[in-house]
PDB file of N, CA and C in Angstrom:
ATOM      1  N   UNK A   1      -3.500  14.479 -10.130  1.00  0.00           N
ATOM      2  CA  UNK A   1      -3.807  15.033  -9.046  1.00  0.00           C
ATOM      3  C   UNK A   1      -4.558  14.136  -8.098  1.00  0.00           C
ATOM      4  N   UNK A   2      -5.229  13.204  -8.364  1.00  0.00           N
ATOM      5  CA  UNK A   2      -5.843  12.128  -7.845  1.00  0.00           C
ATOM      6  C   UNK A   2      -4.877  10.981  -7.509  1.00  0.00           C
ATOM      7  N   UNK A   3      -5.329  10.079  -6.539  1.00  0.00           N
ATOM      8  CA  UNK A   3      -4.558   9.125  -6.028  1.00  0.00           C
ATOM      9  C   UNK A   3      -4.561   7.911  -7.172  1.00  0.00           C
ATOM     10  N   UNK A   4      -3.344   7.298  -7.554  1.00  0.00           N
ATOM     11  CA  UNK A   4      -3.407   6.287  -8.229  1.00  0.00           C
ATOM     12  C   UNK A   4      -3.919   5.087  -7.627  1.00  0.00           C
ATOM     13  N   UNK A   5      -4.238   4.113  -8.374  1.00  0.00           N
ATOM     14  CA  UNK A   5      -4.792   2.797  -7.634  1.00  0.00           C
ATOM     15  C   UNK A   5      -3.526   2.140  -6.760  1.00  0.00           C
ATOM     16  N   UNK A   6      -2.303   2.247  -7.299  1.00  0.00           N
ATOM     17  CA  UNK A   6      -1.342   1.832  -6.454  1.00  0.00           C
ATOM     18  C   UNK A   6      -1.181   2.394  -5.125  1.00  0.00           C
ATOM     19  N   UNK A   7      -1.338   3.764  -5.007  1.00  0.00           N
ATOM     20  CA  UNK A   7      -1.313   4.508  -3.772  1.00  0.00           C
ATOM     21  C   UNK A   7      -2.527   4.139  -3.014  1.00  0.00           C
ATOM     22  N   UNK A   8      -3.711   4.247  -3.556  1.00  0.00           N
ATOM     23  CA  UNK A   8      -4.785   3.654  -2.752  1.00  0.00           C
ATOM     24  C   UNK A   8      -4.554   2.326  -1.987  1.00  0.00           C
ATOM     25  N   UNK A   9      -4.137   1.337  -2.831  1.00  0.00           N
ATOM     26  CA  UNK A   9      -3.963  -0.026  -2.199  1.00  0.00           C
ATOM     27  C   UNK A   9      -3.011   0.092  -1.172  1.00  0.00           C
ATOM     28  N   UNK A  10      -1.931   0.818  -1.495  1.00  0.00           N
ATOM     29  CA  UNK A  10      -0.863   0.927  -0.325  1.00  0.00           C
ATOM     30  C   UNK A  10      -1.432   1.606   0.981  1.00  0.00           C
ATOM     31  N   UNK A  11      -2.157   2.548   0.903  1.00  0.00           N
ATOM     32  CA  UNK A  11      -3.056   2.993   2.087  1.00  0.00           C
ATOM     33  C   UNK A  11      -3.897   2.031   2.692  1.00  0.00           C
ATOM     34  N   UNK A  12      -4.657   1.467   1.821  1.00  0.00           N
ATOM     35  CA  UNK A  12      -5.683   0.378   2.318  1.00  0.00           C
ATOM     36  C   UNK A  12      -4.737  -0.660   3.117  1.00  0.00           C
ATOM     37  N   UNK A  13      -3.621  -1.106   2.414  1.00  0.00           N
ATOM     38  CA  UNK A  13      -3.138  -2.278   3.369  1.00  0.00           C
ATOM     39  C   UNK A  13      -2.473  -1.795   4.686  1.00  0.00           C
ATOM     40  N   UNK A  14      -2.040  -0.638   4.707  1.00  0.00           N
ATOM     41  CA  UNK A  14      -1.450  -0.038   5.735  1.00  0.00           C
ATOM     42  C   UNK A  14      -2.401   0.404   7.094  1.00  0.00           C
ATOM     43  N   UNK A  15      -3.564   0.823   6.647  1.00  0.00           N
ATOM     44  CA  UNK A  15      -4.609   1.189   7.466  1.00  0.00           C
ATOM     45  C   UNK A  15      -5.872   0.311   7.815  1.00  0.00           C
ATOM     46  N   UNK A  16      -5.744  -0.804   7.099  1.00  0.00           N
ATOM     47  CA  UNK A  16      -6.943  -1.796   7.278  1.00  0.00           C
ATOM     48  C   UNK A  16      -7.089  -2.346   8.652  1.00  0.00           C
ATOM     49  N   UNK A  17      -8.368  -2.474   9.048  1.00  0.00           N
ATOM     50  CA  UNK A  17      -8.693  -2.989  10.380  1.00  0.00           C
ATOM     51  C   UNK A  17      -8.655  -4.398  10.189  1.00  0.00           C
ATOM     52  N   UNK A  18      -9.404  -5.048   9.390  1.00  0.00           N
ATOM     53  CA  UNK A  18      -9.305  -6.572   9.008  1.00  0.00           C
ATOM     54  C   UNK A  18      -9.085  -6.841   7.440  1.00  0.00           C
ATOM     55  N   UNK A  19      -8.961  -7.943   7.241  1.00  0.00           N
ATOM     56  CA  UNK A  19      -8.389  -8.464   5.894  1.00  0.00           C
ATOM     57  C   UNK A  19      -9.417  -7.899   4.649  1.00  0.00           C
ATOM     58  N   UNK A  20     -10.675  -7.894   4.891  1.00  0.00           N
ATOM     59  CA  UNK A  20     -11.399  -7.244   3.640  1.00  0.00           C
ATOM     60  C   UNK A  20     -11.782  -5.804   3.843  1.00  0.00           C
ATOM     61  N   UNK A  21     -11.238  -5.150   4.780  1.00  0.00           N
ATOM     62  CA  UNK A  21     -11.390  -3.883   5.024  1.00  0.00           C
ATOM     63  C   UNK A  21     -10.981  -2.831   3.809  1.00  0.00           C
ATOM     64  N   UNK A  22     -11.897  -2.156   3.228  1.00  0.00           N
ATOM     65  CA  UNK A  22     -11.521  -1.365   2.284  1.00  0.00           C
ATOM     66  C   UNK A  22     -11.978   0.191   2.500  1.00  0.00           C
ATOM     67  N   UNK A  23     -12.989   0.453   3.479  1.00  0.00           N
ATOM     68  CA  UNK A  23     -13.694   1.798   3.473  1.00  0.00           C
ATOM     69  C   UNK A  23     -13.975   2.175   4.984  1.00  0.00           C
ATOM     70  N   UNK A  24     -12.933   1.576   5.991  1.00  0.00           N
ATOM     71  CA  UNK A  24     -13.271   2.052   7.320  1.00  0.00           C
ATOM     72  C   UNK A  24     -12.985   3.497   7.418  1.00  0.00           C
ATOM     73  N   UNK A  25     -13.421   4.225   8.569  1.00  0.00           N
ATOM     74  CA  UNK A  25     -13.100   5.571   8.688  1.00  0.00           C
ATOM     75  C   UNK A  25     -11.612   5.868   8.600  1.00  0.00           C
ATOM     76  N   UNK A  26     -10.773   4.903   9.287  1.00  0.00           N
ATOM     77  CA  UNK A  26      -9.487   5.236   9.305  1.00  0.00           C
ATOM     78  C   UNK A  26      -8.740   5.181   7.767  1.00  0.00           C
ATOM     79  N   UNK A  27      -9.208   4.408   6.971  1.00  0.00           N
ATOM     80  CA  UNK A  27      -8.775   4.357   5.625  1.00  0.00           C
ATOM     81  C   UNK A  27      -9.054   5.678   4.968  1.00  0.00           C
ATOM     82  N   UNK A  28     -10.376   5.995   5.064  1.00  0.00           N
ATOM     83  CA  UNK A  28     -10.794   7.520   4.549  1.00  0.00           C
ATOM     84  C   UNK A  28     -10.219   8.515   4.936  1.00  0.00           C
ATOM     85  N   UNK A  29      -9.788   8.558   6.061  1.00  0.00           N
ATOM     86  CA  UNK A  29      -9.055   9.852   6.765  1.00  0.00           C
ATOM     87  C   UNK A  29      -7.514   9.701   5.954  1.00  0.00           C
ATOM     88  N   UNK A  30      -6.905   8.429   6.007  1.00  0.00           N
ATOM     89  CA  UNK A  30      -5.696   8.402   5.304  1.00  0.00           C
ATOM     90  C   UNK A  30      -5.710   8.745   3.938  1.00  0.00           C
ATOM     91  N   UNK A  31      -6.685   8.431   3.191  1.00  0.00           N
ATOM     92  CA  UNK A  31      -6.822   8.727   1.838  1.00  0.00           C
ATOM     93  C   UNK A  31      -7.105  10.397   1.738  1.00  0.00           C
ATOM     94  N   UNK A  32      -7.641  10.847   2.545  1.00  0.00           N
ATOM     95  CA  UNK A  32      -8.115  12.256   2.494  1.00  0.00           C
ATOM     96  C   UNK A  32      -6.791  13.148   2.745  1.00  0.00           C
ATOM     97  N   UNK A  33      -5.881  12.641   3.648  1.00  0.00           N
ATOM     98  CA  UNK A  33      -4.805  13.234   4.234  1.00  0.00           C
ATOM     99  C   UNK A  33      -3.740  13.379   3.119  1.00  0.00           C
ATOM    100  N   UNK A  34      -3.620  12.061   2.460  1.00  0.00           N
ATOM    101  CA  UNK A  34      -2.681  11.994   1.159  1.00  0.00           C
ATOM    102  C   UNK A  34      -3.184  12.846   0.177  1.00  0.00           C
ATOM    103  N   UNK A  35      -4.630  12.936  -0.310  1.00  0.00           N
ATOM    104  CA  UNK A  35      -4.968  13.903  -1.077  1.00  0.00           C
ATOM    105  C   UNK A  35      -4.644  15.396  -0.839  1.00  0.00           C
ATOM    106  N   UNK A  36      -5.025  15.889   0.607  1.00  0.00           N
ATOM    107  CA  UNK A  36      -4.807  17.189   0.942  1.00  0.00           C
ATOM    108  C   UNK A  36      -3.364  17.496   0.887  1.00  0.00           C
ATOM    109  N   UNK A  37      -2.244  16.702   1.175  1.00  0.00           N
ATOM    110  CA  UNK A  37      -0.974  16.836   1.179  1.00  0.00           C
ATOM    111  C   UNK A  37      -0.810  16.943  -0.243  1.00  0.00           C
ATOM    112  N   UNK A  38      -1.109  16.451  -1.285  1.00  0.00           N
ATOM    113  CA  UNK A  38      -0.852  16.541  -2.636  1.00  0.00           C
ATOM    114  C   UNK A  38      -1.471  17.826  -3.223  1.00  0.00           C
ATOM    115  N   UNK A  39      -2.719  18.176  -2.825  1.00  0.00           N
ATOM    116  CA  UNK A  39      -3.279  19.427  -3.077  1.00  0.00           C
ATOM    117  C   UNK A  39      -2.482  20.718  -2.646  1.00  0.00           C
ATOM    118  N   UNK A  40      -2.252  20.565  -1.280  1.00  0.00           N
ATOM    119  CA  UNK A  40      -1.475  21.593  -0.779  1.00  0.00           C
ATOM    120  C   UNK A  40      -0.169  21.961  -1.335  1.00  0.00           C
ATOM    121  N   UNK A  41       0.595  20.973  -1.842  1.00  0.00           N
ATOM    122  CA  UNK A  41       1.680  21.258  -2.807  1.00  0.00           C
ATOM    123  C   UNK A  41       1.511  21.887  -4.019  1.00  0.00           C
ATOM    124  N   UNK A  42       0.474  21.300  -4.662  1.00  0.00           N
ATOM    125  CA  UNK A  42       0.019  22.060  -6.036  1.00  0.00           C
ATOM    126  C   UNK A  42      -0.410  23.409  -5.780  1.00  0.00           C
ATOM    127  N   UNK A  43      -0.882  23.748  -4.696  1.00  0.00           N
ATOM    128  CA  UNK A  43      -1.480  25.116  -4.285  1.00  0.00           C
ATOM    129  C   UNK A  43      -0.268  26.078  -4.002  1.00  0.00           C
ATOM    130  N   UNK A  44       0.679  25.546  -3.536  1.00  0.00           N
ATOM    131  CA  UNK A  44       1.924  26.354  -3.190  1.00  0.00           C
ATOM    132  C   UNK A  44       2.560  26.749  -4.548  1.00  0.00           C
ATOM    133  N   UNK A  45       2.351  26.235  -5.451  1.00  0.00           N
ATOM    134  CA  UNK A  45       2.913  26.729  -6.850  1.00  0.00           C
ATOM    135  C   UNK A  45       1.852  27.348  -7.632  1.00  0.00           C
ATOM    136  N   UNK A  46       0.843  27.184  -7.606  1.00  0.00           N
ATOM    137  CA  UNK A  46      -0.460  27.843  -8.249  1.00  0.00           C
ATOM    138  C   UNK A  46      -1.334  28.368  -7.229  1.00  0.00           C
ATOM    139  N   UNK A  47      -0.883  29.590  -6.868  1.00  0.00           N
ATOM    140  CA  UNK A  47      -1.589  30.261  -5.806  1.00  0.00           C
ATOM    141  C   UNK A  47      -2.938  31.031  -6.161  1.00  0.00           C
ATOM    142  N   UNK A  48      -3.007  31.134  -7.550  1.00  0.00           N
ATOM    143  CA  UNK A  48      -4.655  31.640  -7.895  1.00  0.00           C
ATOM    144  C   UNK A  48      -5.508  30.750  -8.393  1.00  0.00           C
ATOM    145  N   UNK A  49      -5.327  29.197  -8.204  1.00  0.00           N
ATOM    146  CA  UNK A  49      -6.063  28.219  -8.473  1.00  0.00           C
ATOM    147  C   UNK A  49      -7.297  28.149  -7.326  1.00  0.00           C
ATOM    148  N   UNK A  50      -8.225  29.011  -7.516  1.00  0.00           N
ATOM    149  CA  UNK A  50      -9.401  29.223  -6.458  1.00  0.00           C
ATOM    150  C   UNK A  50     -10.341  27.989  -6.462  1.00  0.00           C
ATOM    151  N   UNK A  51     -10.450  27.322  -7.433  1.00  0.00           N
ATOM    152  CA  UNK A  51     -11.349  26.116  -7.588  1.00  0.00           C
ATOM    153  C   UNK A  51     -10.765  24.954  -6.761  1.00  0.00           C
ATOM    154  N   UNK A  52      -9.224  24.899  -6.880  1.00  0.00           N
ATOM    155  CA  UNK A  52      -8.710  23.806  -6.174  1.00  0.00           C
ATOM    156  C   UNK A  52      -8.702  24.218  -4.681  1.00  0.00           C
ATOM    157  N   UNK A  53      -8.542  25.467  -4.382  1.00  0.00           N
ATOM    158  CA  UNK A  53      -8.452  25.955  -3.085  1.00  0.00           C
ATOM    159  C   UNK A  53      -9.803  25.730  -2.142  1.00  0.00           C
ATOM    160  N   UNK A  54     -11.058  25.815  -2.977  1.00  0.00           N
ATOM    161  CA  UNK A  54     -12.345  25.480  -2.521  1.00  0.00           C
ATOM    162  C   UNK A  54     -12.275  24.017  -2.197  1.00  0.00           C
ATOM    163  N   UNK A  55     -11.923  23.228  -3.282  1.00  0.00           N
ATOM    164  CA  UNK A  55     -11.853  21.594  -3.058  1.00  0.00           C
ATOM    165  C   UNK A  55     -11.031  21.452  -1.981  1.00  0.00           C
ATOM    166  N   UNK A  56      -9.949  21.993  -1.754  1.00  0.00           N
ATOM    167  CA  UNK A  56      -8.869  21.685  -0.398  1.00  0.00           C
ATOM    168  C   UNK A  56      -9.758  21.992   0.822  1.00  0.00           C
ATOM    169  N   UNK A  57     -10.295  22.948   0.783  1.00  0.00           N
ATOM    170  CA  UNK A  57     -11.076  23.140   2.015  1.00  0.00           C
ATOM    171  C   UNK A  57     -12.187  22.382   2.420  1.00  0.00           C
ATOM    172  N   UNK A  58     -13.054  21.973   1.236  1.00  0.00           N
ATOM    173  CA  UNK A  58     -13.969  20.847   1.632  1.00  0.00           C
ATOM    174  C   UNK A  58     -13.429  19.548   1.988  1.00  0.00           C
ATOM    175  N   UNK A  59     -12.342  19.179   1.422  1.00  0.00           N
ATOM    176  CA  UNK A  59     -11.793  17.945   1.904  1.00  0.00           C
ATOM    177  C   UNK A  59     -11.272  18.034   3.337  1.00  0.00           C
ATOM    178  N   UNK A  60     -10.727  19.172   3.807  1.00  0.00           N
ATOM    179  CA  UNK A  60     -10.202  19.499   5.155  1.00  0.00           C
ATOM    180  C   UNK A  60     -11.397  19.459   6.143  1.00  0.00           C
ATOM    181  N   UNK A  61     -12.579  19.892   5.822  1.00  0.00           N
ATOM    182  CA  UNK A  61     -13.839  19.831   6.422  1.00  0.00           C
ATOM    183  C   UNK A  61     -14.163  18.406   6.714  1.00  0.00           C
ATOM    184  N   UNK A  62     -14.268  17.645   5.485  1.00  0.00           N
ATOM    185  CA  UNK A  62     -14.646  16.205   5.490  1.00  0.00           C
ATOM    186  C   UNK A  62     -13.689  15.432   6.508  1.00  0.00           C
ATOM    187  N   UNK A  63     -12.461  15.647   6.273  1.00  0.00           N
ATOM    188  CA  UNK A  63     -11.650  14.799   7.248  1.00  0.00           C
ATOM    189  C   UNK A  63     -11.679  15.237   8.737  1.00  0.00           C
ATOM    190  N   UNK A  64     -12.075  16.427   8.955  1.00  0.00           N
ATOM    191  CA  UNK A  64     -12.369  16.780  10.407  1.00  0.00           C
ATOM    192  C   UNK A  64     -13.312  16.359  10.855  1.00  0.00           C
ATOM    193  N   UNK A  65     -14.537  16.128  10.132  1.00  0.00           N
ATOM    194  CA  UNK A  65     -15.845  15.368  10.563  1.00  0.00           C
ATOM    195  C   UNK A  65     -15.622  13.864  10.766  1.00  0.00           C
ATOM    196  N   UNK A  66     -14.504  13.367  10.093  1.00  0.00           N
ATOM    197  CA  UNK A  66     -14.518  12.012  10.094  1.00  0.00           C
ATOM    198  C   UNK A  66     -13.530  11.789  11.312  1.00  0.00           C
ATOM    199  N   UNK A  67     -12.810  12.627  11.556  1.00  0.00           N
ATOM    200  CA  UNK A  67     -11.775  12.409  12.615  1.00  0.00           C
ATOM    201  C   UNK A  67     -12.638  12.506  14.050  1.00  0.00           C
ATOM    202  N   UNK A  68     -13.658  13.433  13.840  1.00  0.00           N
ATOM    203  CA  UNK A  68     -14.680  13.659  15.339  1.00  0.00           C
ATOM    204  C   UNK A  68     -15.255  12.485  15.370  1.00  0.00           C
ATOM    205  N   UNK A  69     -15.739  11.950  14.280  1.00  0.00           N
ATOM    206  CA  UNK A  69     -16.382  10.560  14.399  1.00  0.00           C
ATOM    207  C   UNK A  69     -15.506   9.388  15.117  1.00  0.00           C
ATOM    208  N   UNK A  70     -14.318   9.342  14.488  1.00  0.00           N
ATOM    209  CA  UNK A  70     -13.327   8.320  15.169  1.00  0.00           C
ATOM    210  C   UNK A  70     -12.989   8.607  16.591  1.00  0.00           C
ATOM    211  N   UNK A  71     -12.880   9.856  17.009  1.00  0.00           N
ATOM    212  CA  UNK A  71     -12.531  10.301  18.289  1.00  0.00           C
ATOM    213  C   UNK A  71     -13.782   9.961  19.233  1.00  0.00           C
ATOM    214  N   UNK A  72     -15.057  10.213  18.934  1.00  0.00           N
ATOM    215  CA  UNK A  72     -16.192   9.852  19.570  1.00  0.00           C
ATOM    216  C   UNK A  72     -16.321   8.206  19.669  1.00  0.00           C
ATOM    217  N   UNK A  73     -16.020   7.559  18.649  1.00  0.00           N
ATOM    218  CA  UNK A  73     -16.030   6.161  18.802  1.00  0.00           C
ATOM    219  C   UNK A  73     -15.036   5.432  19.880  1.00  0.00           C
ATOM    220  N   UNK A  74     -13.678   5.767  19.517  1.00  0.00           N
ATOM    221  CA  UNK A  74     -12.553   5.444  20.194  1.00  0.00           C
ATOM    222  C   UNK A  74     -11.438   6.285  20.318  1.00  0.00           C
ATOM    223  N   UNK A  75     -11.183   6.902  21.324  1.00  0.00           N
ATOM    224  CA  UNK A  75     -10.298   7.681  21.565  1.00  0.00           C
ATOM    225  C   UNK A  75      -8.841   7.326  21.299  1.00  0.00           C
ATOM    226  N   UNK A  76      -8.665   6.098  21.741  1.00  0.00           N
ATOM    227  CA  UNK A  76      -7.128   5.555  21.560  1.00  0.00           C
ATOM    228  C   UNK A  76      -7.126   5.362  20.156  1.00  0.00           C
ATOM    229  N   UNK A  77      -8.029   4.690  19.502  1.00  0.00           N
ATOM    230  CA  UNK A  77      -7.767   4.424  17.935  1.00  0.00           C
ATOM    231  C   UNK A  77      -7.397   5.997  17.448  1.00  0.00           C
ATOM    232  N   UNK A  78      -8.144   7.197  17.701  1.00  0.00           N
ATOM    233  CA  UNK A  78      -8.191   8.429  17.254  1.00  0.00           C
ATOM    234  C   UNK A  78      -6.688   8.918  17.273  1.00  0.00           C
ATOM    235  N   UNK A  79      -6.096   8.594  18.703  1.00  0.00           N
ATOM    236  CA  UNK A  79      -4.968   9.165  18.859  1.00  0.00           C
ATOM    237  C   UNK A  79      -3.835   8.420  18.064  1.00  0.00           C
ATOM    238  N   UNK A  80      -4.017   7.079  17.877  1.00  0.00           N
ATOM    239  CA  UNK A  80      -2.829   6.471  17.170  1.00  0.00           C
ATOM    240  C   UNK A  80      -3.011   6.779  15.725  1.00  0.00           C
ATOM    241  N   UNK A  81      -4.144   7.128  15.145  1.00  0.00           N
ATOM    242  CA  UNK A  81      -4.317   7.553  13.884  1.00  0.00           C
ATOM    243  C   UNK A  81      -3.579   8.731  13.483  1.00  0.00           C
ATOM    244  N   UNK A  82      -3.926   9.796  14.398  1.00  0.00           N
ATOM    245  CA  UNK A  82      -3.158  11.268  13.971  1.00  0.00           C
ATOM    246  C   UNK A  82      -1.761  10.930  14.253  1.00  0.00           C
ATOM    247  N   UNK A  83      -1.408  10.304  15.129  1.00  0.00           N
ATOM    248  CA  UNK A  83       0.018  10.027  15.346  1.00  0.00           C
ATOM    249  C   UNK A  83       0.696   9.367  14.106  1.00  0.00           C
ATOM    250  N   UNK A  84       0.055   8.418  13.580  1.00  0.00           N
ATOM    251  CA  UNK A  84       0.544   7.674  12.337  1.00  0.00           C
ATOM    252  C   UNK A  84       0.633   8.444  11.229  1.00  0.00           C
ATOM    253  N   UNK A  85      -0.391   9.392  11.095  1.00  0.00           N
ATOM    254  CA  UNK A  85      -0.587  10.254   9.847  1.00  0.00           C
ATOM    255  C   UNK A  85       0.249  11.535  10.049  1.00  0.00           C
ATOM    256  N   UNK A  86       0.608  11.720  11.218  1.00  0.00           N
ATOM    257  CA  UNK A  86       1.437  13.231  11.521  1.00  0.00           C
ATOM    258  C   UNK A  86       0.693  14.332  11.226  1.00  0.00           C
ATOM    259  N   UNK A  87      -0.693  14.297  11.799  1.00  0.00           N
ATOM    260  CA  UNK A  87      -1.381  15.566  11.449  1.00  0.00           C
ATOM    261  C   UNK A  87      -1.687  16.116  13.019  1.00  0.00           C
ATOM    262  N   UNK A  88      -2.375  17.307  13.156  1.00  0.00           N
ATOM    263  CA  UNK A  88      -2.727  17.859  14.255  1.00  0.00           C
ATOM    264  C   UNK A  88      -1.633  18.297  15.014  1.00  0.00           C
ATOM    265  N   UNK A  89      -0.630  19.024  14.246  1.00  0.00           N
ATOM    266  CA  UNK A  89       0.387  19.785  14.832  1.00  0.00           C
ATOM    267  C   UNK A  89       1.321  18.890  15.739  1.00  0.00           C
TER     268      UNK A  89
END
């Protein structure tokens, strides 16, 4: 259910701002998006998994707050990120 080390490293190299960046908001949002997509697929098959549903809602809220932070800091970076991740309809 969680991300493997290879998946995390792939996300980091794709979204890092500079060479030693491992925890910028852009990377955190990308990792949350990947986990949200995995958990959503799990919940489509396991509709009564209520504890995972609660975890999914918490992750969505966290990602929403992180995106608001990025939007307040740099609107162009925000638009590029949501375009790259394919979120926000």
